[in-house]
Every structure is written in C-alpha cells, then in structure tokens.
C-alpha atoms as a PDB file:
ATOM      1  CA  MET A   1      97.311 255.264 237.475  1.00  0.00           C
ATOM      2  CA  ALA A   2      97.661 251.989 238.746  1.00  0.00           C
ATOM      3  CA  GLU A   3      98.885 251.882 242.689  1.00  0.00           C
ATOM      4  CA  THR A   4     102.320 250.601 243.377  1.00  0.00           C
ATOM      5  CA  ILE A   5     102.265 248.466 246.995  1.00  0.00           C
ATOM      6  CA  GLY A   6     105.554 248.356 249.169  1.00  0.00           C
ATOM      7  CA  LEU A   7     105.723 245.697 252.083  1.00  0.00           C
ATOM      8  CA  ASP A   8     108.481 245.667 254.533  1.00  0.00           C
ATOM      9  CA  ILE A   9     108.596 242.471 256.922  1.00  0.00           C
ATOM     10  CA  GLY A  10     110.718 243.607 259.732  1.00  0.00           C
ATOM     11  CA  SER A  11     111.658 241.606 262.485  1.00  0.00           C
ATOM     12  CA  HIS A  12     109.398 243.781 265.134  1.00  0.00           C
ATOM     13  CA  SER A  13     106.602 245.098 262.483  1.00  0.00           C
ATOM     14  CA  ILE A  14     105.098 244.795 259.158  1.00  0.00           C
ATOM     15  CA  LYS A  15     104.701 248.197 257.097  1.00  0.00           C
ATOM     16  CA  VAL A  16     102.815 248.644 254.294  1.00  0.00           C
ATOM     17  CA  VAL A  17     102.545 251.949 251.868  1.00  0.00           C
ATOM     18  CA  SER A  18     100.885 252.488 248.561  1.00  0.00           C
ATOM     19  CA  LEU A  19     101.916 254.994 246.097  1.00  0.00           C
ATOM     20  CA  LYS A  20     100.481 256.318 242.934  1.00  0.00           C
ATOM     21  CA  MET A  21     102.069 258.358 240.536  1.00  0.00           C
ATOM     22  CA  THR A  22     101.227 261.674 239.502  1.00  0.00           C
ATOM     23  CA  SER A  23     102.318 264.788 237.540  1.00  0.00           C
ATOM     24  CA  LYS A  24     103.510 266.112 240.276  1.00  0.00           C
ATOM     25  CA  GLY A  25     105.426 263.085 241.682  1.00  0.00           C
ATOM     26  CA  PRO A  26     104.441 259.979 243.735  1.00  0.00           C
ATOM     27  CA  LEU A  27     100.965 260.286 246.021  1.00  0.00           C
ATOM     28  CA  LEU A  28     101.013 257.883 249.191  1.00  0.00           C
ATOM     29  CA  THR A  29      97.479 256.767 249.041  1.00  0.00           C
ATOM     30  CA  HIS A  30      97.766 254.033 251.748  1.00  0.00           C
ATOM     31  CA  ALA A  31      99.965 253.304 254.747  1.00  0.00           C
ATOM     32  CA  GLY A  32      99.756 251.113 257.791  1.00  0.00           C
ATOM     33  CA  ILE A  33     101.938 249.407 260.045  1.00  0.00           C
ATOM     34  CA  LYS A  34     101.228 246.496 262.303  1.00  0.00           C
ATOM     35  CA  GLU A  35     103.288 244.705 265.261  1.00  0.00           C
ATOM     36  CA  ILE A  36     104.478 241.354 265.651  1.00  0.00           C
ATOM     37  CA  PRO A  37     103.940 239.833 268.806  1.00  0.00           C
ATOM     38  CA  TYR A  38     107.027 238.647 270.912  1.00  0.00           C
ATOM     39  CA  GLY A  39     107.159 235.491 271.149  1.00  0.00           C
ATOM     40  CA  GLU A  40     107.085 232.146 269.166  1.00  0.00           C
ATOM     41  CA  GLU A  41     104.510 233.484 266.698  1.00  0.00           C
ATOM     42  CA  LYS A  42     107.715 235.910 265.351  1.00  0.00           C
ATOM     43  CA  GLU A  43     109.048 232.797 263.840  1.00  0.00           C
ATOM     44  CA  ASP A  44     105.865 231.165 262.698  1.00  0.00           C
ATOM     45  CA  LEU A  45     105.677 232.018 259.041  1.00  0.00           C
ATOM     46  CA  ASN A  46     102.017 231.227 258.649  1.00  0.00           C
ATOM     47  CA  PHE A  47     100.906 233.862 261.633  1.00  0.00           C
ATOM     48  CA  ILE A  48     102.837 236.369 259.975  1.00  0.00           C
ATOM     49  CA  SER A  49     100.998 236.052 256.905  1.00  0.00           C
ATOM     50  CA  GLU A  50      98.050 235.990 258.510  1.00  0.00           C
ATOM     51  CA  THR A  51      99.255 239.109 260.479  1.00  0.00           C
ATOM     52  CA  ILE A  52      99.775 240.893 256.844  1.00  0.00           C
ATOM     53  CA  LYS A  53      96.264 240.098 255.772  1.00  0.00           C
ATOM     54  CA  ALA A  54      94.826 241.753 258.322  1.00  0.00           C
ATOM     55  CA  LEU A  55      97.185 244.918 257.910  1.00  0.00           C
ATOM     56  CA  PHE A  56      95.864 244.861 254.219  1.00  0.00           C
ATOM     57  CA  ARG A  57      92.262 244.523 255.387  1.00  0.00           C
ATOM     58  CA  GLU A  58      93.007 247.378 258.065  1.00  0.00           C
ATOM     59  CA  VAL A  59      94.147 250.290 255.130  1.00  0.00           C
ATOM     60  CA  GLY A  60      91.888 249.025 252.702  1.00  0.00           C
ATOM     61  CA  LEU A  61      93.961 247.382 250.192  1.00  0.00           C
ATOM     62  CA  LYS A  62      93.537 244.138 248.207  1.00  0.00           C
ATOM     63  CA  LEU A  63      95.876 241.375 248.347  1.00  0.00           C
ATOM     64  CA  GLY A  64      97.990 241.536 244.969  1.00  0.00           C
ATOM     65  CA  LYS A  65     100.877 242.434 243.236  1.00  0.00           C
ATOM     66  CA  VAL A  66     103.554 243.657 245.566  1.00  0.00           C
ATOM     67  CA  ARG A  67     107.042 245.223 245.856  1.00  0.00           C
ATOM     68  CA  LEU A  68     108.953 243.664 248.388  1.00  0.00           C
ATOM     69  CA  THR A  69     112.329 244.316 250.844  1.00  0.00           C
ATOM     70  CA  VAL A  70     114.695 242.048 252.453  1.00  0.00           C
ATOM     71  CA  SER A  71     117.023 242.882 255.195  1.00  0.00           C
ATOM     72  CA  GLY A  72     119.178 241.203 257.870  1.00  0.00           C
ATOM     73  CA  SER A  73     122.649 241.095 258.923  1.00  0.00           C
ATOM     74  CA  GLY A  74     123.233 238.733 256.018  1.00  0.00           C
ATOM     75  CA  VAL A  75     122.966 241.327 253.741  1.00  0.00           C
ATOM     76  CA  HIS A  76     126.053 242.362 252.140  1.00  0.00           C
ATOM     77  CA  ILE A  77     126.641 245.561 249.918  1.00  0.00           C
ATOM     78  CA  THR A  78     129.877 246.832 248.757  1.00  0.00           C
ATOM     79  CA  GLN A  79     131.338 248.799 246.003  1.00  0.00           C
ATOM     80  CA  ILE A  80     134.077 247.111 243.582  1.00  0.00           C
ATOM     81  CA  THR A  81     135.747 248.301 240.324  1.00  0.00           C
ATOM     82  CA  ILE A  82     136.406 245.569 237.676  1.00  0.00           C
ATOM     83  CA  PRO A  83     137.792 246.175 233.983  1.00  0.00           C
ATOM     84  CA  SER A  84     134.862 246.868 231.990  1.00  0.00           C
ATOM     85  CA  MET A  85     133.365 243.694 229.702  1.00  0.00           C
ATOM     86  CA  PRO A  86     130.614 242.398 227.793  1.00  0.00           C
ATOM     87  CA  LYS A  87     127.584 242.176 230.284  1.00  0.00           C
ATOM     88  CA  LYS A  88     127.124 238.435 229.348  1.00  0.00           C
ATOM     89  CA  GLU A  89     130.519 238.018 231.468  1.00  0.00           C
ATOM     90  CA  LEU A  90     130.301 240.634 234.270  1.00  0.00           C
ATOM     91  CA  LYS A  91     127.694 238.419 236.346  1.00  0.00           C
ATOM     92  CA  GLU A  92     130.694 235.533 236.649  1.00  0.00           C
ATOM     93  CA  ALA A  93     133.220 238.203 237.093  1.00  0.00           C
ATOM     94  CA  VAL A  94     131.612 239.971 239.956  1.00  0.00           C
ATOM     95  CA  ARG A  95     130.820 236.868 241.721  1.00  0.00           C
ATOM     96  CA  TRP A  96     134.591 235.866 241.395  1.00  0.00           C
ATOM     97  CA  GLU A  97     135.443 239.485 242.525  1.00  0.00           C
ATOM     98  CA  ILE A  98     133.664 239.505 245.765  1.00  0.00           C
ATOM     99  CA  LYS A  99     133.590 235.400 246.800  1.00  0.00           C
ATOM    100  CA  ASP A 100     136.593 236.057 249.532  1.00  0.00           C
ATOM    101  CA  ARG A 101     134.391 239.273 250.891  1.00  0.00           C
ATOM    102  CA  LEU A 102     131.365 237.142 252.083  1.00  0.00           C
ATOM    103  CA  PRO A 103     131.087 235.858 255.254  1.00  0.00           C
ATOM    104  CA  PHE A 104     129.113 233.115 253.998  1.00  0.00           C
ATOM    105  CA  PRO A 105     129.574 230.797 250.896  1.00  0.00           C
ATOM    106  CA  ILE A 106     128.995 232.464 247.674  1.00  0.00           C
ATOM    107  CA  GLU A 107     126.605 229.634 246.373  1.00  0.00           C
ATOM    108  CA  SER A 108     124.380 230.002 249.068  1.00  0.00           C
ATOM    109  CA  ALA A 109     123.449 233.630 248.218  1.00  0.00           C
ATOM    110  CA  LYS A 110     121.784 235.493 245.268  1.00  0.00           C
ATOM    111  CA  ILE A 111     124.133 238.077 243.947  1.00  0.00           C
ATOM    112  CA  ASP A 112     123.161 241.276 241.896  1.00  0.00           C
ATOM    113  CA  PHE A 113     124.923 244.429 240.921  1.00  0.00           C
ATOM    114  CA  HIS A 114     124.461 248.033 239.780  1.00  0.00           C
ATOM    115  CA  ILE A 115     126.709 249.985 237.406  1.00  0.00           C
ATOM    116  CA  VAL A 116     127.135 253.162 238.795  1.00  0.00           C
ATOM    117  CA  ASN A 117     129.658 254.614 236.088  1.00  0.00           C
ATOM    118  CA  GLU A 118     132.377 253.895 233.681  1.00  0.00           C
ATOM    119  CA  PHE A 119     135.829 255.608 233.186  1.00  0.00           C
ATOM    120  CA  LEU A 120     139.155 255.471 232.005  1.00  0.00           C
ATOM    121  CA  GLU A 121     142.130 254.914 234.508  1.00  0.00           C
ATOM    122  CA  SER A 122     145.330 254.236 232.853  1.00  0.00           C
ATOM    123  CA  ASN A 123     144.140 254.377 229.223  1.00  0.00           C
ATOM    124  CA  VAL A 124     141.876 251.184 230.531  1.00  0.00           C
ATOM    125  CA  LYS A 125     138.095 251.409 230.641  1.00  0.00           C
ATOM    126  CA  LYS A 126     136.765 250.383 234.236  1.00  0.00           C
ATOM    127  CA  LEU A 127     133.362 249.697 235.898  1.00  0.00           C
ATOM    128  CA  ASN A 128     132.531 251.233 239.275  1.00  0.00           C
ATOM    129  CA  LEU A 129     129.798 248.702 240.864  1.00  0.00           C
ATOM    130  CA  ILE A 130     127.512 248.661 243.540  1.00  0.00           C
ATOM    131  CA  VAL A 131     127.202 244.759 244.497  1.00  0.00           C
ATOM    132  CA  VAL A 132     124.672 243.217 247.037  1.00  0.00           C
ATOM    133  CA  ALA A 133     125.297 239.687 248.198  1.00  0.00           C
ATOM    134  CA  CYS A 134     121.571 238.372 249.770  1.00  0.00           C
ATOM    135  CA  PRO A 135     121.668 234.704 251.460  1.00  0.00           C
ATOM    136  CA  ASN A 136     119.337 232.588 249.631  1.00  0.00           C
ATOM    137  CA  HIS A 137     117.540 231.659 253.168  1.00  0.00           C
ATOM    138  CA  LEU A 138     116.397 235.253 253.767  1.00  0.00           C
ATOM    139  CA  ILE A 139     114.825 235.737 250.164  1.00  0.00           C
ATOM    140  CA  ASN A 140     112.961 232.515 250.586  1.00  0.00           C
ATOM    141  CA  ARG A 141     111.585 233.600 254.114  1.00  0.00           C
ATOM    142  CA  VAL A 142     110.237 236.867 252.550  1.00  0.00           C
ATOM    143  CA  LEU A 143     108.747 235.039 249.331  1.00  0.00           C
ATOM    144  CA  SER A 144     107.249 232.471 251.845  1.00  0.00           C
ATOM    145  CA  ILE A 145     105.506 234.689 253.853  1.00  0.00           C
ATOM    146  CA  ALA A 146     104.228 237.055 250.910  1.00  0.00           C
ATOM    147  CA  GLU A 147     103.059 234.058 249.024  1.00  0.00           C
ATOM    148  CA  GLY A 148     101.575 232.479 252.126  1.00  0.00           C
ATOM    149  CA  ALA A 149      99.370 235.785 252.506  1.00  0.00           C
ATOM    150  CA  GLY A 150      98.054 235.269 248.926  1.00  0.00           C
ATOM    151  CA  LEU A 151     100.283 238.386 247.447  1.00  0.00           C
ATOM    152  CA  LYS A 152     102.298 237.893 243.982  1.00  0.00           C
ATOM    153  CA  PRO A 153     105.623 239.275 244.477  1.00  0.00           C
ATOM    154  CA  MET A 154     106.824 241.370 241.471  1.00  0.00           C
ATOM    155  CA  HIS A 155     110.049 243.185 242.826  1.00  0.00           C
ATOM    156  CA  LEU A 156     112.508 242.170 245.516  1.00  0.00           C
ATOM    157  CA  ASP A 157     114.871 244.699 246.942  1.00  0.00           C
ATOM    158  CA  VAL A 158     117.022 245.405 249.738  1.00  0.00           C
ATOM    159  CA  GLY A 159     116.462 247.963 252.197  1.00  0.00           C
ATOM    160  CA  PRO A 160     119.124 250.376 251.480  1.00  0.00           C
ATOM    161  CA  PHE A 161     118.316 250.451 247.897  1.00  0.00           C
ATOM    162  CA  ALA A 162     114.896 251.403 248.768  1.00  0.00           C
ATOM    163  CA  LEU A 163     115.830 254.282 250.669  1.00  0.00           C
ATOM    164  CA  TRP A 164     118.161 255.252 247.490  1.00  0.00           C
ATOM    165  CA  ASN A 165     114.943 255.130 245.464  1.00  0.00           C
ATOM    166  CA  THR A 166     113.208 257.747 247.738  1.00  0.00           C
ATOM    167  CA  LEU A 167     115.602 259.518 247.990  1.00  0.00           C
ATOM    168  CA  LEU A 168     116.087 259.858 244.041  1.00  0.00           C
ATOM    169  CA  ALA A 169     112.202 260.147 243.510  1.00  0.00           C
ATOM    170  CA  PHE A 170     111.836 263.191 245.498  1.00  0.00           C
ATOM    171  CA  GLU A 171     115.293 264.566 244.341  1.00  0.00           C
ATOM    172  CA  GLN A 172     116.714 265.260 248.450  1.00  0.00           C
ATOM    173  CA  TYR A 173     120.150 265.664 247.158  1.00  0.00           C
ATOM    174  CA  LYS A 174     122.566 268.388 245.755  1.00  0.00           C
ATOM    175  CA  LYS A 175     125.401 268.154 243.590  1.00  0.00           C
ATOM    176  CA  GLU A 176     128.679 266.921 245.714  1.00  0.00           C
ATOM    177  CA  GLU A 177     126.291 266.811 248.781  1.00  0.00           C
ATOM    178  CA  VAL A 178     127.003 264.204 251.380  1.00  0.00           C
ATOM    179  CA  VAL A 179     123.781 262.759 252.790  1.00  0.00           C
ATOM    180  CA  ALA A 180     123.397 260.203 255.357  1.00  0.00           C
ATOM    181  CA  MET A 181     120.180 257.966 256.079  1.00  0.00           C
ATOM    182  CA  VAL A 182     119.863 256.616 259.257  1.00  0.00           C
ATOM    183  CA  ASP A 183     117.037 253.482 259.647  1.00  0.00           C
ATOM    184  CA  LEU A 184     116.714 252.885 263.382  1.00  0.00           C
ATOM    185  CA  GLY A 185     115.215 249.099 263.383  1.00  0.00           C
ATOM    186  CA  PHE A 186     113.817 247.001 266.218  1.00  0.00           C
ATOM    187  CA  GLU A 187     117.256 244.836 266.215  1.00  0.00           C
ATOM    188  CA  LYS A 188     119.654 247.034 264.124  1.00  0.00           C
ATOM    189  CA  THR A 189     120.435 250.402 263.348  1.00  0.00           C
ATOM    190  CA  GLY A 190     121.170 251.199 259.226  1.00  0.00           C
ATOM    191  CA  VAL A 191     123.514 253.602 258.336  1.00  0.00           C
ATOM    192  CA  HIS A 192     123.601 254.913 254.589  1.00  0.00           C
ATOM    193  CA  ILE A 193     125.752 257.028 253.236  1.00  0.00           C
ATOM    194  CA  PHE A 194     125.098 258.910 249.593  1.00  0.00           C
ATOM    195  CA  LYS A 195     127.146 261.657 247.819  1.00  0.00           C
ATOM    196  CA  ASP A 196     125.883 262.975 244.262  1.00  0.00           C
ATOM    197  CA  GLY A 197     122.867 260.767 244.832  1.00  0.00           C
ATOM    198  CA  ILE A 198     124.903 257.517 244.502  1.00  0.00           C
ATOM    199  CA  LEU A 199     125.206 255.095 247.598  1.00  0.00           C
ATOM    200  CA  GLN A 200     128.317 255.169 248.652  1.00  0.00           C
ATOM    201  CA  PHE A 201     128.367 253.229 252.183  1.00  0.00           C
ATOM    202  CA  SER A 202     125.729 250.829 253.983  1.00  0.00           C
ATOM    203  CA  ARG A 203     126.162 249.000 257.443  1.00  0.00           C
ATOM    204  CA  ASP A 204     124.069 247.607 259.732  1.00  0.00           C
ATOM    205  CA  VAL A 205     125.316 248.186 263.575  1.00  0.00           C
ATOM    206  CA  VAL A 206     123.869 247.703 267.147  1.00  0.00           C
ATOM    207  CA  PRO A 207     122.099 248.906 268.881  1.00  0.00           C
ATOM    208  CA  GLY A 208     118.757 249.162 267.899  1.00  0.00           C
ATOM    209  CA  GLU A 209     115.424 250.344 269.267  1.00  0.00           C
ATOM    210  CA  ALA A 210     115.014 246.903 271.451  1.00  0.00           C
ATOM    211  CA  ASP A 211     118.508 247.863 273.024  1.00  0.00           C
ATOM    212  CA  ILE A 212     117.724 251.567 273.675  1.00  0.00           C
ATOM    213  CA  THR A 213     114.316 250.742 275.523  1.00  0.00           C
ATOM    214  CA  ARG A 214     116.237 248.071 277.362  1.00  0.00           C
ATOM    215  CA  ALA A 215     118.487 250.291 278.671  1.00  0.00           C
ATOM    216  CA  ILE A 216     115.857 253.086 279.728  1.00  0.00           C
ATOM    217  CA  MET A 217     114.166 250.454 281.464  1.00  0.00           C
ATOM    218  CA  GLU A 218     117.257 249.561 283.500  1.00  0.00           C
END
C-alpha cells in the first residue's frame, strides 16, 4: 500500500498529510503543520522550500512524490451549461464560454473542467460543467516551491476540489442533502456548498483568521 502525500502551502502555514488506502478506507499515517514566519521570509520561495524540508523531517516522511493544492483570490470556479460535443472540442468551447467571466486575461491562466452530468433540454443534449480557472503565476509559485524542496509534484488541485474529494471518500453526504464546508484560513475564509455530493458553489470571502485576531486585540 503506497503512501499518498498531500501538501498545502498556505499564506500562514504549511500542512502535510500522508494516507494509505486500506480495506476500511483511507488511513492517516502522518500529519504535520509548520508556520511561515511573518515578514520578508513569507515571500522568499527558497525559505519556504527549506521550511517544507524541515516539516518532512519532523513528521518522518521522505521527500518524493506529492500531491499539491493551489489557492488564492485568483482561483475562479464556476458552473456552466453548454451543448454536448466531442471531448476534443470541449476545451476550446469552455475557454470561449468563460473568458468574459474572468477578472484576468484567459491567456494568463490554466483552465480545466469536470463534467457533472449530461441531460436533455428541449430535445437537445447538454452538459453541466464545473470549470476552474487558475492564474499561471499561482501555479508556477507552488510548483517552484515544491521542486525547490526536492519534491516531485504528481497532481495539482484547487482547495475546494480537495475538500470535495474528502467528502466523497468518506461518503459524508446523503441524497438531496446540502452540505456546507467552511475553511477558515489566515487571510480568507472559503465557503463551499455541496448538494448530492456535487460542488454547487465556492467562494473566498473575508474576514480570515488574521482579521479576527486583529479585532480581538483591538
């Protein structure tokens, strides 16, 4: 049973977990968290890479293959409905459909999508898709940090999809049930709503932990 290692590089801390799949489901084998000091080091990619190395040593994991998440205010998730078409044509159709919905040029981002379902509307086959647009600079930053730490990125996902996978893996939903997952981060709070085990809405809002801490101090 090979270990699957997941790494989340946040704005305030770095989190790592390791899982093994067993007959009873996923088994947590390692977990650790390490804060990123506030100051210039926060923007020093080499410093963050070294912090990751130290975290792996502390939890007893070897540097190797890893699954990553990317997050930030630039990540854009939306649902769209388009006519059914061959998969080879879908990618371009999706880019055309969402380009006016993005707050940044579509050429500066990676676009991917998940087909939720196919249905008939007025005798026309249509696809319901969840589309993710992520600016290249956010992706490049995460990959650069991981590679600087000696890791081999095997998979890159956005935070809401990682939470979605967790919901599905542990079957924490019922038919027609609405589940909200709230991820309270340092700079922002992620609100993700699921129905029938499918992501329906995802949005990052403020305040985050830093704002709440500041308010308590004042």
